[in-house]
Amino acid sequence: MCIRDRGLVRRAAEAALAAGDTASATQLAERWHVLDPTALEPRQIQFGLAVSTGDLARAGEILVDLVAMHPDGEAEALTDLPAGLAGEIRGHPERLALLDPLGERYAGWAEFHYARARLALLAGDLDQAQAAVVQARNLAPDWYRAQALAAQIQIQQGDVDAGLAQLRTLVRKHGEDQSLRLDEARLLLKLGRLDEATRAFEQLLHVAPDQPEALYALGLLKLEAGDDEAAFDYLTRLAGSGAHQLDAYYYLGMLERRRGRPQNALQWLSQVNSGEHVIQAQLLIAETLGDLGRMEAGRAHLSQLRARNPSLAPALYQGEGEWLYRAGAADQSVAIFSEAMARYPDNRDFRYWRSLAAEQAGDMALAEADLRALLKTRPEDNLVLNALGYFLAVHTDRLQEAQDLIQRALASDPDNPAILDSLGWVYFRQGDLDEADRYLTQAYDRLNDPEVAAHLGELRWRQGRRGEAREIWSKARSAFPDHPVLRQTLRRYGQE
């Protein structure tokens, strides 16, 4: 029977879409469009489905209709395209083809070429972005947004100073334009100019005190910089803005845990019930319960989540096992990874991490057996070659086998500092201090790691260069005061 109730068709289409039933969603959206040809939502669903199935020609035809139907007019619709299509286009230059039907209809519109240039920039096609922005500027020479976009493309092409100078001139002249200020701040962030980006976001907040993107960026920048008070202020304002709420709750939970306020952390984290950070938030809830001396409650929380959400189970197993390993509960870590392996026998990460936990628990036979099992299925896996070689170098006298394994890893990844460190340690244990120096020095220069520092310091001590050894160890201890290998080394040489 043909459904004629628009409301019923709409609800059915939305339900099919939510369930991932692409075929039903496509049919229902088509029916919805027939019943209500002026409605935007069915066309938006049709567009998204066409893109997801790779039918760019169909998606392009629907996009023409969406632009023509926009309630604020075609010019505004074209200008808004980059924001609406960013998720579909970013990193997918081949999807720029869906703009071609628009190009046939709007070839004389500066707004279309502006949108195409912005989307090409998002897709990573600088040549197409440059060509499109030139057309936009030819059609509208005085349009400052096109001028600003040209400056951004110039920066992406490598002419950073000139492009930034032009962009800043435009920001000074059109400082009331929030999107222009946001573009400047994001660009500075992408360039790694964190202090300048921070100032740009702060200036944007002077113009628009509740601008969510600025609050979000500043919250994370201050969190990274260790300015907890400022981070808390920005993130709580973000949480109250209605935008990025789940992100704000997650980072506020992280922050409060770092500040030693576990109960506050739990309140924030418990509100993260979906979204990008949902798994990590649940793992942090468990770890925070552990901080409060309630490790079993934390583990029960994760077990219940696995039972209710089977699709999340692998990530929750991984997170729980790593948490227990970091907490020094090695036997429990081995047990949870063993349980995970029983359910997901082909998951290599579980076996690799079980080997680490088994080593920490003192079960050297299991640790070695897991690494050898991994190597049997992938004989040239650099991570496992190095891990097994280092394990043998540390726990056995099979030093030649250890050297052979590590050299196989190094042959295909010659600049890897972890592998260089392993090979240096094998030579140290063999008594070849010159070769040990060669590899351990390279590893130390490439990687700020406490275990590498422990090894190089021990070599320097053996070489009679005790002042250098103490300096290396002291620097590492300041950065990594609780690292077990470093602390064991310091105790062994009476330096703790």
Protein backbone atom coordinates (compact mmCIF):
# COMPACT_ATOMS: atom_id res chain seq x y z
CA MET A 1 0.00 0.00 0.00
CA CYS A 2 1.29 3.45 -0.90
CA ILE A 3 1.81 5.66 2.17
CA ARG A 4 0.25 9.11 1.75
CA ASP A 5 0.73 10.54 5.26
CA ARG A 6 3.71 12.91 5.06
CA GLY A 7 4.33 12.76 8.80
CA LEU A 8 4.40 8.97 8.77
CA VAL A 9 6.77 8.90 5.79
CA ARG A 10 9.05 11.44 7.46
CA ARG A 11 9.27 9.42 10.68
CA ALA A 12 9.86 6.20 8.77
CA ALA A 13 12.62 7.79 6.66
CA GLU A 14 14.36 9.19 9.71
CA ALA A 15 14.13 5.83 11.49
CA ALA A 16 15.56 3.97 8.49
CA LEU A 17 18.38 6.48 8.26
CA ALA A 18 19.18 6.12 11.96
CA ALA A 19 19.18 2.33 11.61
CA GLY A 20 21.57 2.45 8.66
CA ASP A 21 18.97 0.93 6.31
CA THR A 22 20.15 2.77 3.19
CA ALA A 23 17.76 1.09 0.76
CA SER A 24 14.64 1.84 2.83
CA ALA A 25 15.83 5.36 3.64
CA THR A 26 16.33 6.07 -0.07
CA GLN A 27 12.84 4.84 -1.00
CA LEU A 28 11.16 6.69 1.85
CA ALA A 29 13.01 9.95 1.14
CA GLU A 30 11.90 9.69 -2.51
CA ARG A 31 8.30 9.21 -1.38
CA TRP A 32 8.57 12.09 1.08
CA HIS A 33 9.86 14.36 -1.69
CA VAL A 34 6.93 13.40 -3.94
CA LEU A 35 4.44 14.16 -1.17
CA ASP A 36 6.15 17.45 -0.19
CA PRO A 37 8.24 18.80 -3.10
CA THR A 38 9.07 22.06 -1.31
CA ALA A 39 10.54 20.43 1.82
CA LEU A 40 14.31 20.68 2.23
CA GLU A 41 14.79 17.72 4.59
CA PRO A 42 13.98 14.87 2.17
CA ARG A 43 16.29 16.38 -0.43
CA GLN A 44 19.02 16.70 2.21
CA ILE A 45 18.60 13.02 3.07
CA GLN A 46 18.73 12.11 -0.61
CA PHE A 47 21.87 14.19 -1.04
CA GLY A 48 23.64 12.55 1.89
CA LEU A 49 22.72 9.06 0.70
CA ALA A 50 23.91 9.81 -2.84
CA VAL A 51 27.28 11.03 -1.54
CA SER A 52 27.68 8.07 0.81
CA THR A 53 27.06 5.61 -2.04
CA GLY A 54 29.44 7.47 -4.38
CA ASP A 55 26.74 8.65 -6.80
CA LEU A 56 28.24 12.13 -7.23
CA ALA A 57 26.26 12.91 -10.38
CA ARG A 58 22.98 12.32 -8.52
CA ALA A 59 24.26 14.25 -5.50
CA GLY A 60 25.16 17.19 -7.74
CA GLU A 61 21.66 17.30 -9.27
CA ILE A 62 20.07 17.32 -5.81
CA LEU A 63 22.50 20.01 -4.65
CA VAL A 64 21.24 22.32 -7.42
CA ASP A 65 17.72 21.91 -6.04
CA LEU A 66 18.87 22.52 -2.46
CA VAL A 67 20.54 25.78 -3.44
CA ALA A 68 17.47 26.93 -5.40
CA MET A 69 15.18 26.04 -2.47
CA HIS A 70 17.23 27.81 0.22
CA PRO A 71 14.93 30.08 2.27
CA ASP A 72 17.50 32.91 2.35
CA GLY A 73 18.14 32.93 -1.39
CA GLU A 74 20.63 31.38 -3.76
CA ALA A 75 23.53 33.74 -3.02
CA GLU A 76 23.33 32.97 0.70
CA ALA A 77 22.99 29.25 -0.05
CA LEU A 78 26.15 29.28 -2.15
CA THR A 79 28.09 31.22 0.48
CA ASP A 80 26.97 28.68 3.12
CA LEU A 81 28.02 25.66 1.06
CA PRO A 82 31.54 25.31 2.54
CA ALA A 83 30.16 24.99 6.07
CA GLY A 84 27.46 22.54 5.00
CA LEU A 85 29.71 20.33 2.86
CA ALA A 86 32.93 20.46 4.87
CA GLY A 87 32.42 17.01 6.37
CA GLU A 88 31.76 15.46 2.96
CA ILE A 89 34.59 17.20 1.09
CA ARG A 90 37.48 17.44 3.57
CA GLY A 91 40.27 15.20 2.32
CA HIS A 92 38.21 13.98 -0.67
CA PRO A 93 39.20 15.99 -3.76
CA GLU A 94 37.29 13.54 -6.00
CA ARG A 95 34.03 14.70 -4.39
CA LEU A 96 34.50 18.20 -5.74
CA ALA A 97 32.85 16.79 -8.88
CA LEU A 98 29.48 17.08 -7.20
CA LEU A 99 29.79 20.87 -7.63
CA ASP A 100 29.90 20.58 -11.43
CA PRO A 101 26.11 20.83 -11.97
CA LEU A 102 26.11 24.01 -9.86
CA GLY A 103 28.90 25.38 -12.06
CA GLU A 104 26.68 25.05 -15.13
CA ARG A 105 23.94 27.12 -13.50
CA TYR A 106 25.96 29.61 -11.47
CA ALA A 107 29.04 30.18 -13.64
CA GLY A 108 28.54 33.94 -13.42
CA TRP A 109 28.11 34.07 -9.66
CA ALA A 110 31.09 35.07 -7.52
CA GLU A 111 29.49 33.25 -4.57
CA PHE A 112 29.71 29.92 -6.40
CA HIS A 113 33.38 30.28 -7.26
CA TYR A 114 34.10 31.43 -3.70
CA ALA A 115 32.38 28.29 -2.36
CA ARG A 116 34.25 26.08 -4.80
CA ALA A 117 37.57 27.64 -3.78
CA ARG A 118 36.91 27.10 -0.07
CA LEU A 119 35.83 23.52 -0.62
CA ALA A 120 38.82 22.80 -2.86
CA LEU A 121 41.06 24.15 -0.11
CA LEU A 122 39.39 21.78 2.39
CA ALA A 123 39.81 18.90 -0.06
CA GLY A 124 43.51 19.67 -0.49
CA ASP A 125 43.32 20.66 -4.18
CA LEU A 126 45.28 23.94 -4.16
CA ASP A 127 45.30 24.30 -7.95
CA GLN A 128 41.52 24.15 -8.16
CA ALA A 129 41.19 26.45 -5.14
CA GLN A 130 43.47 29.02 -6.79
CA ALA A 131 41.61 28.87 -10.11
CA ALA A 132 38.23 29.26 -8.42
CA VAL A 133 39.22 32.19 -6.20
CA VAL A 134 40.64 34.03 -9.23
CA GLN A 135 37.24 33.71 -10.90
CA ALA A 136 35.46 34.91 -7.74
CA ARG A 137 37.70 37.98 -7.56
CA ASN A 138 37.25 38.73 -11.27
CA LEU A 139 33.48 38.71 -10.79
CA ALA A 140 33.56 40.70 -7.52
CA PRO A 141 36.87 42.62 -7.28
CA ASP A 142 35.92 44.47 -4.08
CA TRP A 143 34.52 41.50 -2.15
CA TYR A 144 36.76 41.25 0.91
CA ARG A 145 35.86 37.64 1.69
CA ALA A 146 37.20 36.54 -1.68
CA GLN A 147 40.33 38.63 -1.03
CA ALA A 148 40.74 36.94 2.36
CA LEU A 149 40.33 33.51 0.82
CA ALA A 150 42.98 34.35 -1.79
CA ALA A 151 45.33 35.24 1.09
CA GLN A 152 44.62 31.91 2.80
CA ILE A 153 45.35 30.01 -0.39
CA GLN A 154 48.57 32.00 -0.79
CA ILE A 155 49.60 30.88 2.70
CA GLN A 156 48.79 27.25 1.90
CA GLN A 157 50.93 27.55 -1.21
CA GLY A 158 53.90 28.49 0.97
CA ASP A 159 53.95 32.30 0.83
CA VAL A 160 53.13 32.58 4.52
CA ASP A 161 54.33 36.09 5.39
CA ALA A 162 52.70 37.87 2.46
CA GLY A 163 49.46 35.94 2.87
CA LEU A 164 49.28 36.64 6.61
CA ALA A 165 49.97 40.33 6.05
CA GLN A 166 47.09 40.56 3.57
CA LEU A 167 44.75 38.60 5.83
CA ARG A 168 45.54 40.75 8.86
CA THR A 169 44.94 43.91 6.86
CA LEU A 170 41.47 42.62 5.99
CA VAL A 171 40.77 41.59 9.59
CA ARG A 172 41.66 45.10 10.79
CA LYS A 173 39.36 46.64 8.18
CA HIS A 174 36.46 44.21 8.65
CA GLY A 175 36.92 43.23 12.28
CA GLU A 176 33.19 42.86 12.87
CA ASP A 177 33.13 39.80 10.59
CA GLN A 178 33.34 36.84 12.97
CA SER A 179 33.99 34.30 10.21
CA LEU A 180 36.97 36.30 8.96
CA ARG A 181 38.49 36.45 12.45
CA LEU A 182 37.79 32.75 12.90
CA ASP A 183 39.58 31.95 9.64
CA GLU A 184 42.62 33.92 10.78
CA ALA A 185 42.74 32.21 14.18
CA ARG A 186 42.31 28.71 12.73
CA LEU A 187 45.00 29.36 10.15
CA LEU A 188 47.48 30.51 12.80
CA LEU A 189 46.65 27.37 14.79
CA LYS A 190 47.27 25.19 11.74
CA LEU A 191 50.61 26.94 11.20
CA GLY A 192 51.63 26.09 14.77
CA ARG A 193 51.77 29.75 15.85
CA LEU A 194 50.03 29.01 19.12
CA ASP A 195 50.60 32.35 20.87
CA GLU A 196 49.33 34.28 17.85
CA ALA A 197 46.38 31.93 17.46
CA THR A 198 45.50 32.37 21.14
CA ARG A 199 45.48 36.16 20.74
CA ALA A 200 43.37 35.90 17.58
CA PHE A 201 40.78 33.72 19.32
CA GLU A 202 40.75 36.10 22.30
CA GLN A 203 40.19 39.06 19.97
CA LEU A 204 37.30 37.17 18.38
CA LEU A 205 35.72 36.78 21.83
CA HIS A 206 35.91 40.55 22.28
CA VAL A 207 33.73 40.86 19.18
CA ALA A 208 31.50 37.87 20.01
CA PRO A 209 31.83 36.81 23.69
CA ASP A 210 29.93 33.53 23.22
CA GLN A 211 31.50 32.43 19.94
CA PRO A 212 31.69 28.63 20.49
CA GLU A 213 34.60 27.84 18.17
CA ALA A 214 36.77 30.41 19.94
CA LEU A 215 35.72 29.13 23.39
CA TYR A 216 36.49 25.56 22.32
CA ALA A 217 39.89 26.39 20.83
CA LEU A 218 40.94 28.54 23.79
CA GLY A 219 39.80 25.89 26.25
CA LEU A 220 42.04 23.30 24.60
CA LEU A 221 44.95 25.69 24.14
CA LYS A 222 44.88 26.65 27.82
CA LEU A 223 44.45 22.99 28.83
CA GLU A 224 47.53 22.07 26.80
CA ALA A 225 49.49 24.98 28.27
CA GLY A 226 48.63 23.93 31.83
CA ASP A 227 46.62 27.08 32.57
CA ASP A 228 43.87 25.19 34.37
CA GLU A 229 41.93 28.22 35.61
CA ALA A 230 41.61 29.76 32.17
CA ALA A 231 40.82 26.37 30.60
CA PHE A 232 38.07 25.78 33.14
CA ASP A 233 36.57 29.22 32.44
CA TYR A 234 36.50 28.76 28.65
CA LEU A 235 35.21 25.19 28.80
CA THR A 236 32.40 25.95 31.26
CA ARG A 237 31.34 28.85 29.06
CA LEU A 238 31.40 26.47 26.10
CA ALA A 239 29.28 23.93 27.99
CA GLY A 240 26.73 26.66 28.68
CA SER A 241 26.67 27.88 25.08
CA GLY A 242 24.81 24.85 23.75
CA ALA A 243 27.56 24.08 21.19
CA HIS A 244 30.15 21.29 21.53
CA GLN A 245 28.58 20.39 24.87
CA LEU A 246 29.74 16.78 24.94
CA ASP A 247 33.27 17.86 24.05
CA ALA A 248 33.18 20.44 26.83
CA TYR A 249 31.96 17.89 29.38
CA TYR A 250 34.74 15.48 28.40
CA TYR A 251 37.56 18.02 28.66
CA LEU A 252 36.15 19.44 31.89
CA GLY A 253 36.19 15.91 33.31
CA MET A 254 39.81 15.50 32.22
CA LEU A 255 40.69 18.85 33.74
CA GLU A 256 39.01 18.23 37.07
CA ARG A 257 40.69 14.84 37.35
CA ARG A 258 44.05 16.49 36.68
CA ARG A 259 43.27 19.07 39.36
CA GLY A 260 42.67 16.34 41.93
CA ARG A 261 38.89 16.79 42.03
CA PRO A 262 37.66 13.28 41.21
CA GLN A 263 34.04 13.77 42.25
CA ASN A 264 33.72 16.82 40.00
CA ALA A 265 35.41 14.86 37.21
CA LEU A 266 32.84 12.08 37.55
CA GLN A 267 29.96 14.57 37.32
CA TRP A 268 31.25 15.98 34.05
CA LEU A 269 32.28 12.67 32.50
CA SER A 270 28.98 10.98 33.33
CA GLN A 271 27.23 13.41 30.97
CA VAL A 272 29.25 12.20 27.95
CA ASN A 273 26.78 9.58 26.72
CA SER A 274 27.52 9.77 22.99
CA GLY A 275 29.80 11.44 20.48
CA GLU A 276 33.49 11.35 19.64
CA HIS A 277 34.73 11.06 23.22
CA VAL A 278 32.22 8.60 24.65
CA ILE A 279 34.60 5.63 24.95
CA GLN A 280 37.45 7.65 26.43
CA ALA A 281 35.03 9.30 28.86
CA GLN A 282 33.84 5.93 30.15
CA LEU A 283 37.42 4.75 30.56
CA LEU A 284 38.23 7.92 32.50
CA ILE A 285 35.21 7.28 34.75
CA ALA A 286 36.65 3.86 35.56
CA GLU A 287 40.14 5.28 36.17
CA THR A 288 38.70 8.05 38.36
CA LEU A 289 36.86 5.47 40.44
CA GLY A 290 40.22 3.70 40.74
CA ASP A 291 41.75 6.98 41.98
CA LEU A 292 39.10 6.95 44.72
CA GLY A 293 40.09 3.43 45.76
CA ARG A 294 37.14 1.87 43.94
CA MET A 295 38.93 -0.04 41.20
CA GLU A 296 36.42 -2.90 41.25
CA ALA A 297 33.58 -0.41 40.77
CA GLY A 298 35.45 1.05 37.81
CA ARG A 299 35.93 -2.38 36.29
CA ALA A 300 32.26 -3.25 36.88
CA HIS A 301 31.29 -0.03 35.07
CA LEU A 302 33.27 -1.09 32.00
CA SER A 303 31.96 -4.65 32.14
CA GLN A 304 28.37 -3.40 32.19
CA LEU A 305 29.07 -1.09 29.27
CA ARG A 306 30.48 -3.98 27.24
CA ALA A 307 27.36 -6.02 27.94
CA ARG A 308 25.04 -3.17 26.87
CA ASN A 309 27.11 -2.02 23.88
CA PRO A 310 28.79 -4.98 22.13
CA SER A 311 30.11 -2.73 19.35
CA LEU A 312 32.16 -0.82 21.94
CA ALA A 313 33.52 -3.94 23.61
CA PRO A 314 36.89 -4.18 21.81
CA ALA A 315 37.82 -0.56 22.61
CA LEU A 316 36.64 -0.94 26.21
CA TYR A 317 38.66 -4.14 26.65
CA GLN A 318 41.73 -2.38 25.27
CA GLY A 319 41.27 0.64 27.50
CA GLU A 320 40.67 -1.43 30.64
CA GLY A 321 43.69 -3.62 30.00
CA GLU A 322 45.96 -0.63 29.44
CA TRP A 323 44.61 1.11 32.55
CA LEU A 324 45.30 -1.93 34.72
CA TYR A 325 48.77 -2.25 33.20
CA ARG A 326 49.60 1.40 33.96
CA ALA A 327 48.19 1.01 37.46
CA GLY A 328 50.56 -1.91 38.13
CA ALA A 329 47.72 -4.45 38.37
CA ALA A 330 49.55 -6.73 35.97
CA ASP A 331 47.76 -9.99 36.84
CA GLN A 332 44.36 -8.34 36.28
CA SER A 333 45.61 -6.82 33.04
CA VAL A 334 46.67 -10.26 31.82
CA ALA A 335 43.25 -11.62 32.79
CA ILE A 336 41.27 -8.94 30.94
CA PHE A 337 43.36 -9.27 27.79
CA SER A 338 42.93 -13.06 27.98
CA GLU A 339 39.17 -12.59 28.22
CA ALA A 340 39.28 -10.22 25.26
CA MET A 341 41.34 -12.69 23.22
CA ALA A 342 38.78 -15.42 23.88
CA ARG A 343 36.10 -13.20 22.31
CA TYR A 344 38.28 -11.69 19.57
CA PRO A 345 41.02 -14.23 18.78
CA ASP A 346 42.27 -12.36 15.70
CA ASN A 347 42.93 -9.08 17.53
CA ARG A 348 46.72 -8.64 17.52
CA ASP A 349 46.66 -5.65 19.87
CA PHE A 350 45.19 -7.77 22.66
CA ARG A 351 47.94 -10.37 22.36
CA TYR A 352 50.68 -7.73 22.16
CA TRP A 353 49.42 -5.95 25.25
CA ARG A 354 48.99 -9.24 27.09
CA SER A 355 52.67 -9.91 26.47
CA LEU A 356 53.55 -6.56 28.09
CA ALA A 357 51.29 -7.25 31.06
CA ALA A 358 52.65 -10.78 31.44
CA GLU A 359 56.20 -9.39 31.50
CA GLN A 360 55.17 -6.92 34.20
CA ALA A 361 53.52 -9.77 36.14
CA GLY A 362 56.70 -11.85 35.92
CA ASP A 363 55.24 -14.50 33.63
CA MET A 364 58.12 -14.46 31.16
CA ALA A 365 57.05 -17.67 29.44
CA LEU A 366 53.64 -16.22 28.50
CA ALA A 367 55.17 -12.88 27.47
CA GLU A 368 57.63 -14.58 25.10
CA ALA A 369 55.02 -17.02 23.79
CA ASP A 370 52.65 -14.18 22.87
CA LEU A 371 55.36 -12.29 21.01
CA ARG A 372 56.43 -15.40 19.12
CA ALA A 373 52.80 -16.15 18.20
CA LEU A 374 52.47 -12.64 16.77
CA LEU A 375 55.72 -13.01 14.83
CA LYS A 376 54.63 -16.35 13.41
CA THR A 377 51.62 -14.79 11.68
CA ARG A 378 53.52 -11.66 10.56
CA PRO A 379 57.25 -12.43 10.39
CA GLU A 380 58.24 -8.92 9.30
CA ASP A 381 56.24 -6.92 11.84
CA ASN A 382 58.78 -4.32 13.02
CA LEU A 383 57.00 -3.65 16.29
CA VAL A 384 57.02 -7.31 17.27
CA LEU A 385 60.54 -7.99 15.97
CA ASN A 386 61.84 -5.16 18.13
CA ALA A 387 59.69 -6.10 21.14
CA LEU A 388 60.83 -9.74 21.10
CA GLY A 389 64.45 -8.80 20.50
CA TYR A 390 64.42 -6.31 23.37
CA PHE A 391 62.65 -8.80 25.64
CA LEU A 392 65.37 -11.38 24.99
CA ALA A 393 68.10 -8.75 25.54
CA VAL A 394 66.66 -7.76 28.92
CA HIS A 395 65.53 -11.12 30.32
CA THR A 396 67.78 -13.78 28.74
CA ASP A 397 71.33 -14.47 27.59
CA ARG A 398 70.16 -15.20 24.03
CA LEU A 399 71.80 -12.01 22.86
CA GLN A 400 72.68 -13.11 19.33
CA GLU A 401 69.06 -14.02 18.62
CA ALA A 402 68.01 -10.68 20.12
CA GLN A 403 70.48 -8.83 17.88
CA ASP A 404 69.27 -10.67 14.77
CA LEU A 405 65.62 -9.83 15.47
CA ILE A 406 66.31 -6.16 16.15
CA GLN A 407 68.53 -5.76 13.09
CA ARG A 408 65.72 -7.18 10.95
CA ALA A 409 63.43 -4.49 12.35
CA LEU A 410 66.04 -1.77 11.84
CA ALA A 411 66.67 -2.77 8.23
CA SER A 412 63.21 -1.57 7.19
CA ASP A 413 62.96 1.32 9.67
CA PRO A 414 66.51 2.64 10.12
CA ASP A 415 65.61 5.90 11.88
CA ASN A 416 63.26 4.47 14.49
CA PRO A 417 64.65 5.57 17.89
CA ALA A 418 63.01 2.70 19.80
CA ILE A 419 64.74 0.15 17.57
CA LEU A 420 68.04 2.05 17.76
CA ASP A 421 67.79 1.97 21.54
CA SER A 422 67.11 -1.78 21.55
CA LEU A 423 70.11 -2.50 19.35
CA GLY A 424 72.32 -0.25 21.47
CA TRP A 425 71.21 -2.12 24.59
CA VAL A 426 72.05 -5.48 23.03
CA TYR A 427 75.55 -4.24 22.22
CA PHE A 428 75.88 -2.90 25.77
CA ARG A 429 74.98 -6.29 27.19
CA GLN A 430 77.49 -7.93 24.83
CA GLY A 431 80.18 -5.57 26.11
CA ASP A 432 80.65 -3.74 22.78
CA LEU A 433 80.55 -0.21 24.22
CA ASP A 434 81.56 1.55 21.00
CA GLU A 435 78.62 0.09 19.04
CA ALA A 436 76.34 0.67 22.04
CA ASP A 437 77.40 4.34 22.05
CA ARG A 438 76.69 4.66 18.34
CA TYR A 439 73.08 3.46 18.58
CA LEU A 440 72.12 4.74 22.04
CA THR A 441 73.33 8.26 21.20
CA GLN A 442 71.23 8.28 18.03
CA ALA A 443 68.19 7.08 19.96
CA TYR A 444 68.64 9.69 22.68
CA ASP A 445 69.03 12.50 20.14
CA ARG A 446 65.80 11.47 18.41
CA LEU A 447 63.53 10.60 21.36
CA ASN A 448 62.93 12.14 24.76
CA ASP A 449 62.23 8.87 26.54
CA PRO A 450 63.13 7.85 30.13
CA GLU A 451 64.16 4.30 29.19
CA VAL A 452 66.50 5.54 26.47
CA ALA A 453 67.94 8.03 29.00
CA ALA A 454 68.39 5.22 31.53
CA HIS A 455 70.31 3.16 28.98
CA LEU A 456 72.55 5.98 27.76
CA GLY A 457 73.27 7.06 31.32
CA GLU A 458 74.26 3.51 32.24
CA LEU A 459 76.57 3.38 29.22
CA ARG A 460 78.19 6.69 30.18
CA TRP A 461 78.71 5.40 33.73
CA ARG A 462 80.37 2.24 32.40
CA GLN A 463 82.57 4.42 30.16
CA GLY A 464 83.73 6.36 33.21
CA ARG A 465 81.84 9.51 32.18
CA ARG A 466 79.87 9.70 35.40
CA GLY A 467 79.17 13.42 35.32
CA GLU A 468 77.46 13.02 31.94
CA ALA A 469 75.53 10.01 33.26
CA ARG A 470 74.22 11.98 36.23
CA GLU A 471 73.23 14.89 33.96
CA ILE A 472 71.30 12.59 31.60
CA TRP A 473 69.55 10.85 34.49
CA SER A 474 68.75 14.09 36.28
CA LYS A 475 67.11 15.57 33.20
CA ALA A 476 65.05 12.42 32.63
CA ARG A 477 64.04 12.20 36.31
CA SER A 478 62.72 15.78 36.20
CA ALA A 479 60.50 14.95 33.24
CA PHE A 480 59.56 11.37 34.20
CA PRO A 481 59.89 11.06 37.99
CA ASP A 482 57.92 7.81 38.32
CA HIS A 483 59.19 5.78 35.36
CA PRO A 484 60.02 2.29 36.69
CA VAL A 485 63.02 1.47 34.46
CA LEU A 486 64.63 4.85 35.16
CA ARG A 487 64.05 4.52 38.90
CA GLN A 488 65.47 0.98 38.95
CA THR A 489 68.57 2.17 37.10
CA LEU A 490 69.07 5.08 39.49
CA ARG A 491 68.71 2.80 42.51
CA ARG A 492 71.17 0.32 41.04
CA TYR A 493 73.81 3.03 40.78
CA GLY A 494 72.93 4.71 44.07
CA GLN A 495 71.64 7.86 42.38
CA GLU A 496 68.02 7.98 43.57
